[in-house]
Amino acid sequence: MDGADLAFAGIARQAQLIRDREVSSRELVELYLGRIERLDPRLNAFRTVFAEQSLAAADAADGRRDGGAQAPMLGVPIAIKDELAELAGDVTRVGTDAFDEVATTDSEMVRRLRDAGAVIVGKTNLPELAICGFTESKTFGVTRNPWEPGRTPGGSSGGSAAAVAAGLVAGASGSDGAGSIRIPAALCGLFGLKPQRDRVPLGPPGDGVVQHWHGLSVNGCLTRSVADTALWLDVTAPRAPGGGSYAEAAATGPGRLRIGVSVKAPWLAVPPILDQEMVVAVHTAAELLAALGHRVDGVEPRYGMLGNRVTARYLDGIREDVDAVPHPERLERRTRGFARLGRLVAPPWLARRAVGGEAADAARVFAVFESCDVLLTPTVSTPPVEVGFWERAGALRTLLGMTRRYPFTVAWNHLGNPAASVPIGTTSTGLPLGVQLVGPADAEPTLLSLAAQIEAERPWADRRPPVS
């Protein structure tokens, strides 16, 4: 296997290669450090790279392997999004220079990844305070899409998506508060699953529940394949619904499912833009699923005014984050504008009411799962915008613009159930297309199984972007 093939092999395959002694962890880390040095100046996926530390960790992993130790991700190089995942000895920047406190311990998710043998190569970029669906910040600059560097990789996990898509790391963590795993997955040709709320820990060591943005945010990952995400979940969220493992679910056929198809988005203050290529992508996926033996029917989820509750949780969550920043004077003008919006239109009492309304919304929207097992929708409603598209926009204009382009992901953060973006071909100009699979509560095994079936029929992991 040559260097490029090895770089794009993914987490699960690399773990097997290390176990079989076909490659060492040091060889993988050296490969990725070389690729980062060569390619990341153009992409800006990484906020920081831990070259010496990752080589030392790779040597330790090789020593553990040679001594007979086994661990699920032993020696596999990964990256960590610079938010909701603290690394001891490093400042969690969250896309800004408004923080300066060095973490004294790893977060629980990071601890589980290290215990599984993963080698952390660096931390990836995101927009300031993870607010936006594009990855640009005053402090750390612009992150670019490796499929077309003039366009965004999405956000807020855009640095992680760009790094994995360009073969700079085997896989990377992401967080998702309104689509921040699924949006960059769709725009960068990756698999991205938003786990169910509280499935993967957000906070410090221990099993205590920590919430962010009033429960909208979850931790997960961006990977090249469904099997890679399944392995990541087995490490970071070991109690899979129904018993068994996520990897077993991904390797098991889904049986005949009822697939509900909808291109209707929830109302989010302004009507969405819906590019025809996104509609075609959904129809393409629906036709494939029907050919695979699933029952496919059109459905209409009853979203109601759910978007108002999402907006209240989101804006007041941002306001809370801004109020907690030790150096708010260093924040971007737009970030402060989001906090002002929160104080104006989403005061804390309204956010609490939005959380309290979740159960009623779930009862209404989840009625769609009485007639289907999985809901199929677009992930995003347009191809990636150009870098700098919202550069001079204030908070309100940015918010309205994002709601028009990313309306399909937010409902499931509010309701807490799992959803995933799955690659399904390319646009007429060669950019990646993704569709969203949504399941009811505890449906991660079903989504992994169905996504793996799609991947087997329409493989995507071997496609490489021009910047690679």
Protein backbone atom coordinates (compact mmCIF):
# COMPACT_ATOMS: atom_id res chain seq x y z
CA MET A 1 0.00 0.00 0.00
CA ASP A 2 1.53 3.33 -1.06
CA GLY A 3 1.56 6.42 1.11
CA ALA A 4 -1.55 8.05 -0.36
CA ASP A 5 -3.57 4.84 -0.09
CA LEU A 6 -2.45 4.47 3.51
CA ALA A 7 -3.36 8.06 4.34
CA PHE A 8 -6.90 7.51 3.05
CA ALA A 9 -7.34 4.04 4.54
CA GLY A 10 -9.43 5.26 7.50
CA ILE A 11 -9.54 4.42 11.18
CA ALA A 12 -10.78 0.83 11.09
CA ARG A 13 -8.43 -0.28 8.32
CA GLN A 14 -5.41 1.40 9.91
CA ALA A 15 -6.17 -0.21 13.26
CA GLN A 16 -6.16 -3.61 11.54
CA LEU A 17 -2.94 -2.87 9.65
CA ILE A 18 -1.23 -1.95 12.92
CA ARG A 19 -2.51 -5.11 14.62
CA ASP A 20 -1.24 -7.19 11.69
CA ARG A 21 2.15 -5.42 11.86
CA GLU A 22 1.86 -4.29 8.26
CA VAL A 23 2.50 -0.73 9.36
CA SER A 24 3.60 0.99 12.54
CA SER A 25 1.97 3.87 14.32
CA ARG A 26 5.16 5.91 13.85
CA GLU A 27 5.00 5.37 10.10
CA LEU A 28 1.43 6.61 10.05
CA VAL A 29 2.13 9.65 12.18
CA GLU A 30 5.18 10.56 10.09
CA LEU A 31 3.07 10.18 6.95
CA TYR A 32 0.39 12.50 8.27
CA LEU A 33 2.83 15.07 9.64
CA GLY A 34 4.42 15.25 6.19
CA ARG A 35 1.05 15.67 4.51
CA ILE A 36 0.01 18.35 7.00
CA GLU A 37 3.23 20.25 6.38
CA ARG A 38 2.67 20.06 2.61
CA LEU A 39 -1.09 20.60 2.32
CA ASP A 40 -2.37 22.41 5.39
CA PRO A 41 -0.90 25.81 4.50
CA ARG A 42 -3.47 25.81 1.69
CA LEU A 43 -6.36 24.40 3.75
CA ASN A 44 -5.79 25.68 7.31
CA ALA A 45 -7.56 22.69 8.84
CA PHE A 46 -5.38 22.59 11.97
CA ARG A 47 -5.20 25.14 14.77
CA THR A 48 -2.17 23.36 16.22
CA VAL A 49 -0.15 20.23 15.46
CA PHE A 50 1.49 18.15 18.19
CA ALA A 51 4.42 16.81 16.17
CA GLU A 52 6.78 15.74 18.96
CA GLN A 53 4.02 14.55 21.27
CA SER A 54 2.30 12.50 18.59
CA LEU A 55 5.55 10.81 17.55
CA ALA A 56 6.23 9.93 21.16
CA ALA A 57 2.69 8.59 21.53
CA ALA A 58 3.14 6.58 18.34
CA ASP A 59 6.33 5.01 19.68
CA ALA A 60 4.51 4.15 22.91
CA ALA A 61 1.67 2.59 20.92
CA ASP A 62 4.10 0.50 18.88
CA GLY A 63 5.74 -0.60 22.10
CA ARG A 64 2.37 -1.63 23.53
CA ARG A 65 1.59 -3.62 20.39
CA ASP A 66 4.98 -5.31 20.40
CA GLY A 67 4.39 -6.22 24.02
CA GLY A 68 1.15 -7.98 23.12
CA ALA A 69 -1.29 -5.27 24.16
CA GLN A 70 -4.52 -4.84 22.25
CA ALA A 71 -6.78 -1.81 22.03
CA PRO A 72 -9.45 -0.87 19.46
CA MET A 73 -7.63 2.16 18.02
CA LEU A 74 -4.08 1.35 19.10
CA GLY A 75 -1.67 3.65 17.23
CA VAL A 76 -4.26 5.24 14.91
CA PRO A 77 -3.65 8.99 14.32
CA ILE A 78 -6.68 11.24 14.85
CA ALA A 79 -7.45 14.93 15.36
CA ILE A 80 -9.62 16.68 17.91
CA LYS A 81 -11.92 19.61 17.22
CA ASP A 82 -10.86 22.53 19.41
CA GLU A 83 -14.16 22.64 21.34
CA LEU A 84 -15.99 20.47 23.91
CA ALA A 85 -12.90 18.22 24.05
CA GLU A 86 -10.17 19.44 26.36
CA LEU A 87 -6.61 18.14 26.14
CA ALA A 88 -4.47 18.36 29.26
CA GLY A 89 -1.74 20.96 28.81
CA ASP A 90 -3.49 22.83 25.99
CA VAL A 91 -5.83 25.82 25.92
CA THR A 92 -9.19 25.00 24.34
CA ARG A 93 -9.47 27.99 22.02
CA VAL A 94 -12.94 27.45 20.49
CA GLY A 95 -11.93 29.49 17.46
CA THR A 96 -10.90 32.60 19.41
CA ASP A 97 -8.10 34.12 21.48
CA ALA A 98 -10.58 35.03 24.23
CA PHE A 99 -9.54 31.99 26.30
CA ASP A 100 -6.19 31.50 27.99
CA GLU A 101 -6.65 28.83 30.69
CA VAL A 102 -4.64 25.65 30.17
CA ALA A 103 -6.64 22.47 30.70
CA THR A 104 -5.36 20.32 33.54
CA THR A 105 -7.13 17.11 32.47
CA ASP A 106 -8.43 15.50 29.32
CA SER A 107 -12.16 15.57 28.72
CA GLU A 108 -13.96 12.25 29.12
CA MET A 109 -14.21 11.68 25.36
CA VAL A 110 -10.51 12.35 24.88
CA ARG A 111 -9.68 10.06 27.80
CA ARG A 112 -11.64 7.23 26.18
CA LEU A 113 -9.91 7.78 22.85
CA ARG A 114 -6.46 7.74 24.46
CA ASP A 115 -7.35 4.63 26.46
CA ALA A 116 -8.31 2.98 23.18
CA GLY A 117 -4.81 3.74 21.88
CA ALA A 118 -5.55 6.65 19.56
CA VAL A 119 -2.71 9.08 18.84
CA ILE A 120 -3.77 12.73 18.78
CA VAL A 121 -1.91 14.57 16.02
CA GLY A 122 -3.45 17.99 16.52
CA LYS A 123 -6.51 20.14 17.08
CA THR A 124 -8.66 21.42 14.25
CA ASN A 125 -10.11 24.82 13.46
CA LEU A 126 -13.67 26.04 13.89
CA PRO A 127 -15.51 29.36 13.74
CA GLU A 128 -15.51 31.49 16.85
CA LEU A 129 -17.49 29.78 19.65
CA ALA A 130 -18.67 27.18 17.10
CA ILE A 131 -21.50 29.50 16.06
CA CYS A 132 -21.41 29.33 12.28
CA GLY A 133 -21.88 26.82 9.48
CA PHE A 134 -18.62 27.95 7.87
CA THR A 135 -15.10 27.88 9.33
CA GLU A 136 -13.58 31.34 9.33
CA SER A 137 -12.31 33.31 12.31
CA LYS A 138 -10.42 36.51 12.99
CA THR A 139 -7.96 34.65 15.20
CA PHE A 140 -7.17 31.53 13.18
CA GLY A 141 -8.12 32.50 9.65
CA VAL A 142 -10.05 30.76 6.87
CA THR A 143 -10.39 26.99 6.53
CA ARG A 144 -10.94 25.83 2.96
CA ASN A 145 -12.68 22.91 1.32
CA PRO A 146 -10.17 20.47 -0.23
CA TRP A 147 -12.64 19.77 -3.06
CA GLU A 148 -12.55 23.44 -4.06
CA PRO A 149 -10.39 25.74 -1.92
CA GLY A 150 -12.42 28.78 -2.89
CA ARG A 151 -15.39 27.36 -0.98
CA THR A 152 -16.12 26.61 2.65
CA PRO A 153 -15.88 23.10 4.12
CA GLY A 154 -18.89 24.02 6.26
CA GLY A 155 -18.91 24.32 10.00
CA SER A 156 -18.58 24.40 12.75
CA SER A 157 -16.53 21.18 12.46
CA GLY A 158 -15.00 22.45 9.22
CA GLY A 159 -11.38 21.96 10.23
CA SER A 160 -12.03 18.33 11.14
CA ALA A 161 -13.87 17.73 7.87
CA ALA A 162 -11.16 19.36 5.76
CA ALA A 163 -8.45 17.37 7.53
CA VAL A 164 -10.15 14.02 7.03
CA ALA A 165 -11.25 14.75 3.47
CA ALA A 166 -7.72 15.76 2.43
CA GLY A 167 -6.09 12.73 4.04
CA LEU A 168 -4.33 14.71 6.78
CA VAL A 169 -5.56 12.39 9.51
CA ALA A 170 -7.50 9.13 9.72
CA GLY A 171 -10.54 10.63 11.49
CA ALA A 172 -11.42 13.60 13.66
CA SER A 173 -13.83 14.55 16.39
CA GLY A 174 -16.66 16.94 15.74
CA SER A 175 -19.49 18.51 17.67
CA ASP A 176 -22.98 19.19 16.39
CA GLY A 177 -25.25 21.86 17.88
CA ALA A 178 -27.33 22.63 14.78
CA GLY A 179 -25.75 20.45 12.08
CA SER A 180 -22.06 21.03 12.72
CA ILE A 181 -21.05 17.43 11.99
CA ARG A 182 -23.54 16.72 9.21
CA ILE A 183 -23.09 19.98 7.28
CA PRO A 184 -19.29 19.67 6.80
CA ALA A 185 -19.68 15.93 6.16
CA ALA A 186 -22.05 16.69 3.29
CA LEU A 187 -19.86 19.47 1.88
CA CYS A 188 -16.62 17.44 2.11
CA GLY A 189 -17.79 13.98 0.98
CA LEU A 190 -17.57 12.29 4.39
CA PHE A 191 -19.80 10.25 6.66
CA GLY A 192 -21.00 12.21 9.66
CA LEU A 193 -23.35 10.91 12.33
CA LYS A 194 -24.87 13.09 15.03
CA PRO A 195 -25.35 10.66 17.91
CA GLN A 196 -28.30 10.84 20.23
CA ARG A 197 -28.07 13.48 22.93
CA ASP A 198 -25.83 12.49 25.87
CA ARG A 199 -24.50 9.44 24.01
CA VAL A 200 -20.90 10.74 23.88
CA PRO A 201 -19.73 12.75 26.93
CA LEU A 202 -19.24 16.49 26.50
CA GLY A 203 -17.50 17.26 29.76
CA PRO A 204 -14.62 16.41 32.10
CA PRO A 205 -13.67 12.89 33.24
CA GLY A 206 -16.57 10.86 34.60
CA ASP A 207 -20.02 9.92 33.40
CA GLY A 208 -21.84 13.06 34.53
CA VAL A 209 -24.17 14.63 31.98
CA VAL A 210 -22.97 18.02 30.71
CA GLN A 211 -25.12 20.01 28.31
CA HIS A 212 -24.25 22.82 25.92
CA TRP A 213 -26.62 25.25 24.20
CA HIS A 214 -29.49 23.96 26.36
CA GLY A 215 -28.97 20.40 25.15
CA LEU A 216 -28.58 21.06 21.42
CA SER A 217 -24.90 20.06 21.24
CA VAL A 218 -23.47 16.55 20.99
CA ASN A 219 -20.01 15.10 20.37
CA GLY A 220 -19.24 12.75 17.51
CA CYS A 221 -16.78 12.42 14.63
CA LEU A 222 -16.14 12.84 10.91
CA THR A 223 -14.76 9.84 9.07
CA ARG A 224 -14.18 8.39 5.64
CA SER A 225 -16.41 5.35 6.14
CA VAL A 226 -19.33 4.05 8.17
CA ALA A 227 -17.09 1.41 9.76
CA ASP A 228 -14.76 4.17 10.98
CA THR A 229 -17.58 6.00 12.75
CA ALA A 230 -18.86 2.74 14.24
CA LEU A 231 -15.43 2.04 15.73
CA TRP A 232 -15.22 5.60 17.08
CA LEU A 233 -18.60 5.19 18.77
CA ASP A 234 -17.64 1.82 20.24
CA VAL A 235 -14.74 3.63 21.92
CA THR A 236 -16.47 6.85 22.99
CA ALA A 237 -20.05 5.61 23.61
CA PRO A 238 -19.61 1.95 24.52
CA ARG A 239 -23.19 1.27 25.56
CA ALA A 240 -24.87 0.77 22.17
CA PRO A 241 -28.68 0.72 22.11
CA GLY A 242 -30.02 -2.82 22.20
CA GLY A 243 -26.70 -4.36 23.19
CA GLY A 244 -23.96 -5.47 20.84
CA SER A 245 -21.57 -3.00 19.27
CA TYR A 246 -21.85 -0.24 16.73
CA ALA A 247 -19.31 -2.07 14.56
CA GLU A 248 -21.53 -5.14 14.55
CA ALA A 249 -24.48 -2.99 13.52
CA ALA A 250 -22.51 -1.45 10.65
CA ALA A 251 -21.49 -4.92 9.47
CA THR A 252 -25.04 -6.32 9.61
CA GLY A 253 -27.64 -5.77 6.90
CA PRO A 254 -30.59 -3.58 7.91
CA GLY A 255 -33.30 -5.89 6.60
CA ARG A 256 -36.23 -4.38 4.76
CA LEU A 257 -36.96 -0.92 6.12
CA ARG A 258 -39.68 1.63 5.56
CA ILE A 259 -38.02 4.78 4.24
CA GLY A 260 -39.91 8.06 4.39
CA VAL A 261 -38.74 10.73 1.94
CA SER A 262 -39.21 14.46 2.45
CA VAL A 263 -37.65 17.61 1.02
CA LYS A 264 -39.75 19.82 3.31
CA ALA A 265 -37.69 21.82 5.80
CA PRO A 266 -38.90 23.24 9.11
CA TRP A 267 -39.68 26.96 9.08
CA LEU A 268 -36.72 28.91 10.49
CA ALA A 269 -37.73 32.59 10.26
CA VAL A 270 -37.10 32.76 6.50
CA PRO A 271 -37.90 30.29 3.70
CA PRO A 272 -35.07 27.97 2.70
CA ILE A 273 -33.23 28.02 -0.58
CA LEU A 274 -33.46 24.55 -2.11
CA ASP A 275 -31.07 23.88 -4.96
CA GLN A 276 -32.42 21.38 -7.46
CA GLU A 277 -29.27 19.27 -7.20
CA MET A 278 -30.08 18.63 -3.54
CA VAL A 279 -33.55 17.41 -4.51
CA VAL A 280 -32.03 15.16 -7.17
CA ALA A 281 -29.62 13.76 -4.57
CA VAL A 282 -32.55 12.76 -2.35
CA HIS A 283 -34.38 11.16 -5.27
CA THR A 284 -31.20 9.31 -6.26
CA ALA A 285 -30.85 7.93 -2.74
CA ALA A 286 -34.54 7.01 -2.65
CA GLU A 287 -34.28 5.12 -5.93
CA LEU A 288 -31.21 3.26 -4.66
CA LEU A 289 -32.96 2.29 -1.44
CA ALA A 290 -36.00 1.09 -3.35
CA ALA A 291 -33.75 -1.00 -5.60
CA LEU A 292 -32.21 -2.51 -2.44
CA GLY A 293 -35.64 -3.75 -1.40
CA HIS A 294 -36.75 -1.08 1.04
CA ARG A 295 -40.24 0.38 0.94
CA VAL A 296 -39.92 4.03 -0.02
CA ASP A 297 -42.77 6.53 0.34
CA GLY A 298 -43.16 10.28 0.54
CA VAL A 299 -43.92 11.68 4.02
CA GLU A 300 -44.49 15.12 5.52
CA PRO A 301 -43.11 15.59 9.06
CA ARG A 302 -45.25 17.96 11.10
CA TYR A 303 -42.56 20.40 12.16
CA GLY A 304 -44.99 23.15 13.19
CA MET A 305 -43.19 26.15 14.71
CA LEU A 306 -40.36 24.04 16.06
CA GLY A 307 -37.87 26.45 14.49
CA ASN A 308 -38.74 29.13 17.02
CA ARG A 309 -37.73 26.85 19.87
CA VAL A 310 -34.48 25.90 18.14
CA THR A 311 -33.64 29.58 17.68
CA ALA A 312 -34.29 30.34 21.36
CA ARG A 313 -32.03 27.52 22.56
CA TYR A 314 -29.31 28.38 20.05
CA LEU A 315 -29.20 32.14 20.64
CA ASP A 316 -29.42 31.95 24.43
CA GLY A 317 -26.76 29.24 24.38
CA ILE A 318 -24.47 31.60 22.48
CA ARG A 319 -25.29 34.38 24.94
CA GLU A 320 -24.29 32.09 27.82
CA ASP A 321 -21.01 31.22 26.08
CA VAL A 322 -20.18 34.89 25.46
CA ASP A 323 -20.96 35.77 29.07
CA ALA A 324 -18.56 33.02 30.23
CA VAL A 325 -15.61 34.10 28.05
CA PRO A 326 -12.76 35.47 30.21
CA HIS A 327 -11.77 38.09 27.60
CA PRO A 328 -14.97 39.13 25.80
CA GLU A 329 -13.27 42.23 24.41
CA ARG A 330 -11.29 39.92 22.12
CA LEU A 331 -14.38 38.42 20.49
CA GLU A 332 -15.37 39.25 16.94
CA ARG A 333 -17.98 41.91 16.32
CA ARG A 334 -20.36 39.35 14.83
CA THR A 335 -20.01 37.05 17.84
CA ARG A 336 -20.94 39.88 20.18
CA GLY A 337 -23.83 40.59 17.84
CA PHE A 338 -25.11 37.05 18.25
CA ALA A 339 -25.08 37.53 22.02
CA ARG A 340 -27.03 40.79 21.65
CA LEU A 341 -29.55 39.00 19.46
CA GLY A 342 -29.91 36.40 22.17
CA ARG A 343 -30.59 39.01 24.83
CA LEU A 344 -33.09 40.76 22.57
CA VAL A 345 -35.14 37.89 21.10
CA ALA A 346 -34.23 34.82 23.19
CA PRO A 347 -34.00 35.70 26.89
CA PRO A 348 -33.32 32.84 29.31
CA TRP A 349 -36.98 32.36 30.20
CA LEU A 350 -37.80 31.82 26.53
CA ALA A 351 -34.96 29.31 26.17
CA ARG A 352 -36.29 27.43 29.20
CA ARG A 353 -39.75 27.44 27.65
CA ALA A 354 -38.24 26.09 24.40
CA VAL A 355 -36.64 23.22 26.29
CA GLY A 356 -39.95 22.57 28.01
CA GLY A 357 -41.68 22.42 24.63
CA GLU A 358 -39.38 19.71 23.31
CA ALA A 359 -41.63 16.85 24.43
CA ALA A 360 -44.67 18.25 22.63
CA ASP A 361 -42.62 18.81 19.47
CA ALA A 362 -41.24 15.27 19.67
CA ALA A 363 -44.69 13.75 20.04
CA ARG A 364 -45.86 15.59 16.92
CA VAL A 365 -42.77 15.22 14.70
CA PHE A 366 -41.96 11.64 15.72
CA ALA A 367 -45.40 10.59 14.50
CA VAL A 368 -43.67 10.30 11.13
CA PHE A 369 -41.88 7.22 12.46
CA GLU A 370 -45.19 5.41 12.79
CA SER A 371 -45.13 5.01 9.01
CA CYS A 372 -41.37 4.81 8.43
CA ASP A 373 -38.26 3.50 10.16
CA VAL A 374 -35.88 6.08 8.70
CA LEU A 375 -36.52 9.54 7.30
CA LEU A 376 -34.53 10.61 4.21
CA THR A 377 -34.00 14.36 3.60
CA PRO A 378 -31.39 16.69 2.14
CA THR A 379 -28.52 17.46 4.52
CA VAL A 380 -27.97 20.98 3.20
CA SER A 381 -30.03 22.95 0.73
CA THR A 382 -27.24 24.41 -1.43
CA PRO A 383 -23.65 23.57 -2.43
CA PRO A 384 -20.92 25.15 -0.27
CA VAL A 385 -20.77 28.93 -0.39
CA GLU A 386 -17.64 30.78 -1.38
CA VAL A 387 -15.04 31.58 1.26
CA GLY A 388 -15.83 34.99 2.71
CA PHE A 389 -19.49 34.83 1.66
CA TRP A 390 -20.59 36.21 5.06
CA GLU A 391 -17.36 38.07 5.86
CA ARG A 392 -18.97 41.51 6.23
CA ALA A 393 -22.34 40.29 7.45
CA GLY A 394 -23.53 41.04 10.94
CA ALA A 395 -25.11 38.52 13.26
CA LEU A 396 -28.69 38.84 12.00
CA ARG A 397 -27.81 38.64 8.32
CA THR A 398 -25.52 35.68 8.98
CA LEU A 399 -28.19 33.90 11.00
CA LEU A 400 -30.86 34.38 8.34
CA GLY A 401 -28.47 33.34 5.58
CA MET A 402 -27.47 30.15 7.38
CA THR A 403 -31.07 29.22 8.12
CA ARG A 404 -31.81 29.40 4.40
CA ARG A 405 -28.95 27.05 3.52
CA TYR A 406 -28.87 24.69 6.53
CA PRO A 407 -32.53 24.19 7.52
CA PHE A 408 -32.68 20.40 7.48
CA THR A 409 -30.36 19.55 10.37
CA VAL A 410 -31.52 21.69 13.29
CA ALA A 411 -34.77 19.93 14.23
CA TRP A 412 -32.94 16.81 15.34
CA ASN A 413 -30.67 18.73 17.73
CA HIS A 414 -33.79 20.14 19.36
CA LEU A 415 -35.44 16.71 19.56
CA GLY A 416 -32.22 14.87 20.48
CA ASN A 417 -32.52 11.83 18.20
CA PRO A 418 -29.72 10.55 15.93
CA ALA A 419 -29.19 11.67 12.33
CA ALA A 420 -26.43 11.13 9.78
CA SER A 421 -25.19 12.63 6.53
CA VAL A 422 -24.28 10.07 3.87
CA PRO A 423 -22.39 10.88 0.63
CA ILE A 424 -24.42 10.30 -2.53
CA GLY A 425 -22.48 11.39 -5.60
CA THR A 426 -21.42 14.85 -6.73
CA THR A 427 -22.86 18.04 -8.14
CA SER A 428 -22.53 18.97 -11.81
CA THR A 429 -19.29 20.74 -10.92
CA GLY A 430 -17.83 17.79 -9.02
CA LEU A 431 -18.52 18.90 -5.44
CA PRO A 432 -19.72 16.30 -2.92
CA LEU A 433 -23.43 15.73 -2.30
CA GLY A 434 -24.88 14.28 0.89
CA VAL A 435 -28.29 13.18 2.09
CA GLN A 436 -29.53 12.94 5.65
CA LEU A 437 -30.83 9.80 7.32
CA VAL A 438 -32.85 10.43 10.49
CA GLY A 439 -34.02 7.83 12.96
CA PRO A 440 -36.13 7.80 16.11
CA ALA A 441 -34.58 7.53 19.56
CA ASP A 442 -31.81 4.93 19.92
CA ALA A 443 -31.62 4.39 16.15
CA GLU A 444 -27.85 4.71 15.71
CA PRO A 445 -27.48 0.97 14.91
CA THR A 446 -30.17 1.22 12.22
CA LEU A 447 -28.62 4.33 10.68
CA LEU A 448 -25.16 2.74 10.65
CA SER A 449 -26.50 -0.44 9.06
CA LEU A 450 -28.45 1.42 6.38
CA ALA A 451 -25.59 3.84 5.65
CA ALA A 452 -23.19 0.90 5.31
CA GLN A 453 -25.56 -0.70 2.81
CA ILE A 454 -25.59 2.52 0.77
CA GLU A 455 -21.79 2.68 1.00
CA ALA A 456 -21.46 -0.89 -0.28
CA GLU A 457 -23.59 -0.06 -3.32
CA ARG A 458 -22.19 3.43 -3.98
CA PRO A 459 -18.69 3.52 -2.42
CA TRP A 460 -17.36 6.97 -1.63
CA ALA A 461 -14.31 6.48 0.61
CA ASP A 462 -11.94 5.99 -2.34
CA ARG A 463 -12.80 9.40 -3.84
CA ARG A 464 -10.08 11.95 -3.17
CA PRO A 465 -10.29 15.73 -3.55
CA PRO A 466 -7.94 17.74 -5.76
CA VAL A 467 -6.09 19.07 -2.69
CA SER A 468 -4.73 15.73 -1.50
